[in-house]
Amino acid sequence: MSADKHPPGRLVFDDRDGLLRIRISNPARYNAMSLSMWESLGQTLAAVRQRRDLRAIVLEGEGDRAFVSGADISEFGAQRNDPEQVARYDRAVADAQQALSTSPVPTIALIRGICMGGGMGLAVACDLRYCNESARFRMPAARLGLGYSLAGLKRMYDMLGAARAADLFLTARTFDGREAARIGLVQELFTDADFGSLAAERVSAVLANAPLTMRAARLGLRHLLGGDGAPSADAVNEAVLACFGSTDYREGQAAFREKRTPVFKGQ
């Protein structure tokens, strides 16, 4: 197939050993997300929701220059120009971010370089975010005349609080990885040289943990955050009880007594 037949950018999937790694690849535009990429991400995440073998999902950008620079603005004239197109585009973005935030398994954003607009939306929809010192963040909607969805704004508000969310949206300023760590946008900041190895350690730590425990914790956090579709207290309590009735609970106790590393099966 000739190059001009391909949609702008693509998602690259690496699915093995319980980890689904999704690489956002549009390097000519700093990994900007096209409409087809937003739709593909939402569809993929929806397709893996019921998989019992899946332990975690990692989202990362192609190369070192960018995680995601935002939505692909070059498409807006053709793909986001009338009310019907705007609705389709906004639905694709909302579906992808909602699928990340409600995923049954932990979601992890590995952020190198530019993370702006829709990239920040994707990152905040994940449970864990790690960035390097070269990371640069910005919410530029006010410089583009775009309206930002209430669901996306709520995630930023829940993560950072009203004062900091207002700062990012109303000033549209750029800030670095150190500030992202200071304000709690990312859990940890790593040097450029150490980012690959330390981020891999964090991913490995998540993969080694008890899946049912992580599921219960995620449900509990979503319940506490509230909002449309938040799990009920009964659903959280049921997930907690499932942990205590599991084979993994017995394995965890046995491993503690025997001073060895537990091997969890998600059962």
Protein backbone atom coordinates (compact mmCIF):
# COMPACT_ATOMS: atom_id res chain seq x y z
CA MET A 1 0.00 0.00 0.00
CA SER A 2 1.39 3.43 -0.89
CA ALA A 3 2.20 5.88 1.90
CA ASP A 4 -0.62 8.24 0.98
CA LYS A 5 -3.16 5.46 1.57
CA HIS A 6 -2.24 5.22 5.26
CA PRO A 7 -4.09 7.33 7.85
CA PRO A 8 -1.94 9.98 9.55
CA GLY A 9 0.01 8.34 12.33
CA ARG A 10 -0.68 4.94 13.85
CA LEU A 11 -0.75 2.98 17.07
CA VAL A 12 1.78 0.19 17.54
CA PHE A 13 0.79 -2.64 19.88
CA ASP A 14 3.05 -5.02 21.81
CA ASP A 15 0.92 -7.52 23.73
CA ARG A 16 2.73 -10.17 25.75
CA ASP A 17 3.25 -11.55 29.27
CA GLY A 18 0.23 -9.74 30.64
CA LEU A 19 1.32 -6.29 29.44
CA LEU A 20 -0.30 -4.37 26.60
CA ARG A 21 2.13 -1.69 25.47
CA ILE A 22 0.61 0.94 23.17
CA ARG A 23 3.05 3.19 21.30
CA ILE A 24 1.70 6.35 19.72
CA SER A 25 3.57 6.85 16.46
CA ASN A 26 3.28 10.04 14.45
CA PRO A 27 6.85 11.37 14.74
CA ALA A 28 6.55 13.91 11.92
CA ARG A 29 3.95 15.73 14.07
CA TYR A 30 5.43 14.98 17.51
CA ASN A 31 3.06 12.03 17.92
CA ALA A 32 -0.09 14.11 17.47
CA MET A 33 -3.28 12.03 17.58
CA SER A 34 -5.34 11.85 14.40
CA LEU A 35 -9.03 10.96 14.42
CA SER A 36 -8.26 7.42 13.27
CA MET A 37 -5.75 7.05 16.12
CA TRP A 38 -8.25 8.26 18.73
CA GLU A 39 -10.84 5.81 17.41
CA SER A 40 -8.36 2.95 17.24
CA LEU A 41 -7.25 3.57 20.84
CA GLY A 42 -10.81 3.56 22.16
CA GLN A 43 -11.73 0.44 20.20
CA THR A 44 -8.61 -1.43 21.33
CA LEU A 45 -9.12 -0.60 24.99
CA ALA A 46 -12.77 -1.65 24.78
CA ALA A 47 -11.76 -4.96 23.18
CA VAL A 48 -9.37 -5.95 26.00
CA ARG A 49 -11.60 -5.06 28.97
CA GLN A 50 -12.68 -8.64 29.63
CA ARG A 51 -9.26 -10.26 29.30
CA ARG A 52 -8.33 -12.08 32.50
CA ASP A 53 -4.67 -12.49 31.51
CA LEU A 54 -4.03 -8.76 31.18
CA ARG A 55 -2.13 -7.18 34.10
CA ALA A 56 -1.40 -3.61 32.92
CA ILE A 57 -1.51 -1.20 29.98
CA VAL A 58 1.38 1.13 29.14
CA LEU A 59 0.98 4.20 26.93
CA GLU A 60 4.06 5.84 25.42
CA GLY A 61 5.14 7.94 22.46
CA GLU A 62 7.41 7.02 19.57
CA GLY A 63 10.98 8.21 20.21
CA ASP A 64 12.35 10.69 22.71
CA ARG A 65 10.90 13.95 21.37
CA ALA A 66 7.28 13.55 22.39
CA PHE A 67 4.72 11.54 24.30
CA VAL A 68 1.75 13.14 22.52
CA SER A 69 1.74 16.74 21.32
CA GLY A 70 -2.07 16.82 21.25
CA ALA A 71 -4.71 16.32 18.62
CA ASP A 72 -3.48 16.54 15.02
CA ILE A 73 -4.51 20.12 14.21
CA SER A 74 -3.72 19.61 10.53
CA GLU A 75 -6.90 17.49 10.35
CA PHE A 76 -9.26 20.04 11.89
CA GLY A 77 -10.23 21.67 8.61
CA ALA A 78 -11.39 18.34 7.19
CA GLN A 79 -12.35 16.38 10.32
CA ARG A 80 -13.56 18.96 12.85
CA ASN A 81 -15.29 21.60 10.78
CA ASP A 82 -19.07 21.14 11.15
CA PRO A 83 -21.22 20.09 14.13
CA GLU A 84 -21.42 16.45 13.03
CA GLN A 85 -17.66 16.20 12.56
CA VAL A 86 -17.00 17.94 15.87
CA ALA A 87 -19.33 15.49 17.62
CA ARG A 88 -17.59 12.46 16.06
CA TYR A 89 -14.13 13.79 16.95
CA ASP A 90 -15.09 14.72 20.50
CA ARG A 91 -16.74 11.32 20.99
CA ALA A 92 -13.58 9.54 19.82
CA VAL A 93 -11.41 11.53 22.25
CA ALA A 94 -13.85 11.03 25.12
CA ASP A 95 -14.19 7.29 24.47
CA ALA A 96 -10.41 6.76 24.44
CA GLN A 97 -9.82 8.73 27.63
CA GLN A 98 -12.81 7.16 29.39
CA ALA A 99 -11.60 3.69 28.44
CA LEU A 100 -8.24 4.44 30.05
CA SER A 101 -9.72 5.90 33.23
CA THR A 102 -12.15 2.99 33.70
CA SER A 103 -9.82 0.20 32.63
CA PRO A 104 -10.06 -2.89 34.90
CA VAL A 105 -6.24 -3.07 34.97
CA PRO A 106 -3.71 -0.35 35.90
CA THR A 107 -2.81 2.10 33.16
CA ILE A 108 0.62 3.75 33.02
CA ALA A 109 1.78 6.75 30.97
CA LEU A 110 5.51 6.94 30.21
CA ILE A 111 6.12 10.55 29.22
CA ARG A 112 9.23 11.68 27.38
CA GLY A 113 9.43 15.08 25.73
CA ILE A 114 6.34 17.00 24.66
CA CYS A 115 3.03 16.25 26.40
CA MET A 116 0.41 18.82 25.49
CA GLY A 117 -3.34 19.17 25.00
CA GLY A 118 -4.80 15.76 24.22
CA GLY A 119 -1.53 14.24 25.40
CA MET A 120 -2.12 15.66 28.86
CA GLY A 121 -5.69 14.37 28.66
CA LEU A 122 -4.44 10.86 27.93
CA ALA A 123 -1.81 11.03 30.67
CA VAL A 124 -4.28 12.22 33.32
CA ALA A 125 -6.68 9.43 32.34
CA CYS A 126 -3.98 6.92 33.36
CA ASP A 127 -3.41 5.74 36.94
CA LEU A 128 0.34 6.29 36.98
CA ARG A 129 2.45 8.87 35.16
CA TYR A 130 6.23 9.04 34.97
CA CYS A 131 8.19 11.66 33.04
CA ASN A 132 11.77 12.60 32.22
CA GLU A 133 13.50 15.91 32.87
CA SER A 134 13.11 16.92 29.22
CA ALA A 135 9.32 16.60 29.37
CA ARG A 136 7.37 19.73 28.50
CA PHE A 137 3.68 20.14 29.35
CA ARG A 138 1.02 22.56 28.14
CA MET A 139 -2.76 22.83 27.91
CA PRO A 140 -3.06 25.10 24.83
CA ALA A 141 -6.84 25.02 24.22
CA ALA A 142 -7.18 28.74 24.98
CA ARG A 143 -4.61 29.52 22.26
CA LEU A 144 -6.54 27.44 19.72
CA GLY A 145 -10.09 28.52 20.50
CA LEU A 146 -11.11 24.98 21.43
CA GLY A 147 -13.70 24.02 24.00
CA TYR A 148 -12.46 21.40 26.47
CA SER A 149 -14.87 18.67 27.59
CA LEU A 150 -16.28 18.65 31.11
CA ALA A 151 -15.10 15.08 31.67
CA GLY A 152 -11.53 15.99 30.72
CA LEU A 153 -11.63 19.12 32.86
CA LYS A 154 -12.93 17.11 35.82
CA ARG A 155 -10.01 14.68 35.58
CA MET A 156 -7.57 17.60 35.69
CA TYR A 157 -9.51 19.14 38.59
CA ASP A 158 -9.54 15.82 40.49
CA MET A 159 -5.82 15.40 39.95
CA LEU A 160 -4.54 18.93 40.59
CA GLY A 161 -7.30 20.88 42.33
CA ALA A 162 -9.20 23.92 41.11
CA ALA A 163 -6.40 26.49 41.48
CA ARG A 164 -3.79 24.60 39.50
CA ALA A 165 -6.27 23.42 36.86
CA ALA A 166 -7.33 27.05 36.37
CA ASP A 167 -3.68 28.09 36.01
CA LEU A 168 -2.98 25.52 33.29
CA PHE A 169 -6.16 26.17 31.30
CA LEU A 170 -6.30 29.96 31.61
CA THR A 171 -2.62 30.79 31.06
CA ALA A 172 -1.90 28.02 28.51
CA ARG A 173 1.71 28.22 29.70
CA THR A 174 4.41 25.61 29.14
CA PHE A 175 6.05 23.99 32.16
CA ASP A 176 8.73 21.35 32.64
CA GLY A 177 8.96 17.90 34.17
CA ARG A 178 10.18 19.20 37.52
CA GLU A 179 7.09 21.36 37.92
CA ALA A 180 4.89 18.47 36.78
CA ALA A 181 6.31 16.40 39.63
CA ARG A 182 6.03 19.26 42.13
CA ILE A 183 2.33 19.85 41.45
CA GLY A 184 1.46 16.15 41.34
CA LEU A 185 0.74 15.83 37.66
CA VAL A 186 3.25 12.96 37.53
CA GLN A 187 4.11 10.57 40.35
CA GLU A 188 7.85 10.61 39.67
CA LEU A 189 10.44 12.46 37.61
CA PHE A 190 13.49 10.60 36.26
CA THR A 191 16.60 11.92 34.57
CA ASP A 192 16.75 11.48 30.82
CA ALA A 193 19.54 8.93 31.20
CA ASP A 194 17.69 6.85 33.82
CA PHE A 195 14.17 7.16 32.47
CA GLY A 196 14.11 3.92 30.48
CA SER A 197 15.43 1.69 33.26
CA LEU A 198 13.54 3.28 36.16
CA ALA A 199 10.24 3.45 34.26
CA ALA A 200 10.68 -0.24 33.39
CA GLU A 201 11.17 -0.99 37.09
CA ARG A 202 7.89 0.71 37.96
CA VAL A 203 6.04 -1.20 35.25
CA SER A 204 7.56 -4.48 36.45
CA ALA A 205 6.50 -3.71 40.02
CA VAL A 206 2.88 -3.27 38.91
CA LEU A 207 2.96 -6.47 36.87
CA ALA A 208 4.24 -8.43 39.90
CA ASN A 209 1.41 -7.32 42.20
CA ALA A 210 -1.83 -9.16 42.92
CA PRO A 211 -4.31 -8.36 40.11
CA LEU A 212 -7.44 -8.68 42.26
CA THR A 213 -6.01 -6.32 44.87
CA MET A 214 -5.18 -3.73 42.21
CA ARG A 215 -8.65 -4.08 40.70
CA ALA A 216 -10.28 -3.49 44.09
CA ALA A 217 -8.06 -0.47 44.75
CA ARG A 218 -8.87 1.07 41.36
CA LEU A 219 -12.60 0.55 41.90
CA GLY A 220 -12.31 2.16 45.33
CA LEU A 221 -10.48 5.19 43.99
CA ARG A 222 -13.04 5.65 41.21
CA HIS A 223 -15.84 5.40 43.78
CA LEU A 224 -14.22 8.10 45.92
CA LEU A 225 -13.74 10.40 42.93
CA GLY A 226 -17.42 10.00 42.05
CA GLY A 227 -18.95 11.24 38.84
CA ASP A 228 -20.96 9.49 36.14
CA GLY A 229 -20.34 5.76 36.04
CA ALA A 230 -18.46 5.63 39.35
CA PRO A 231 -18.57 2.15 40.95
CA SER A 232 -20.94 1.72 43.87
CA ALA A 233 -19.71 1.05 47.40
CA ASP A 234 -21.24 -2.44 47.09
CA ALA A 235 -19.16 -3.13 43.96
CA VAL A 236 -16.01 -2.03 45.78
CA ASN A 237 -16.81 -4.15 48.83
CA GLU A 238 -17.50 -7.15 46.61
CA ALA A 239 -14.10 -6.72 44.93
CA VAL A 240 -12.40 -6.46 48.35
CA LEU A 241 -14.08 -9.66 49.56
CA ALA A 242 -13.00 -11.43 46.36
CA CYS A 243 -9.38 -10.72 47.33
CA PHE A 244 -9.75 -12.50 50.68
CA GLY A 245 -11.36 -15.52 49.02
CA SER A 246 -8.71 -15.83 46.33
CA THR A 247 -5.87 -18.23 45.72
CA ASP A 248 -3.62 -15.18 45.44
CA TYR A 249 -4.40 -14.22 49.05
CA ARG A 250 -3.23 -17.65 50.21
CA GLU A 251 -0.17 -17.37 47.96
CA GLY A 252 0.71 -13.98 49.42
CA GLN A 253 0.57 -15.34 52.97
CA ALA A 254 2.62 -18.40 52.04
CA ALA A 255 5.26 -16.31 50.29
CA PHE A 256 5.52 -14.01 53.32
CA ARG A 257 6.03 -16.97 55.67
CA GLU A 258 8.56 -18.61 53.35
CA LYS A 259 10.40 -15.33 52.68
CA ARG A 260 10.06 -15.62 48.90
CA THR A 261 8.57 -13.57 46.10
CA PRO A 262 4.86 -14.32 45.61
CA VAL A 263 3.62 -15.52 42.23
CA PHE A 264 0.13 -14.18 41.66
CA LYS A 265 -2.32 -15.64 39.12
CA GLY A 266 -5.24 -13.25 39.40
CA GLN A 267 -7.40 -15.99 40.90
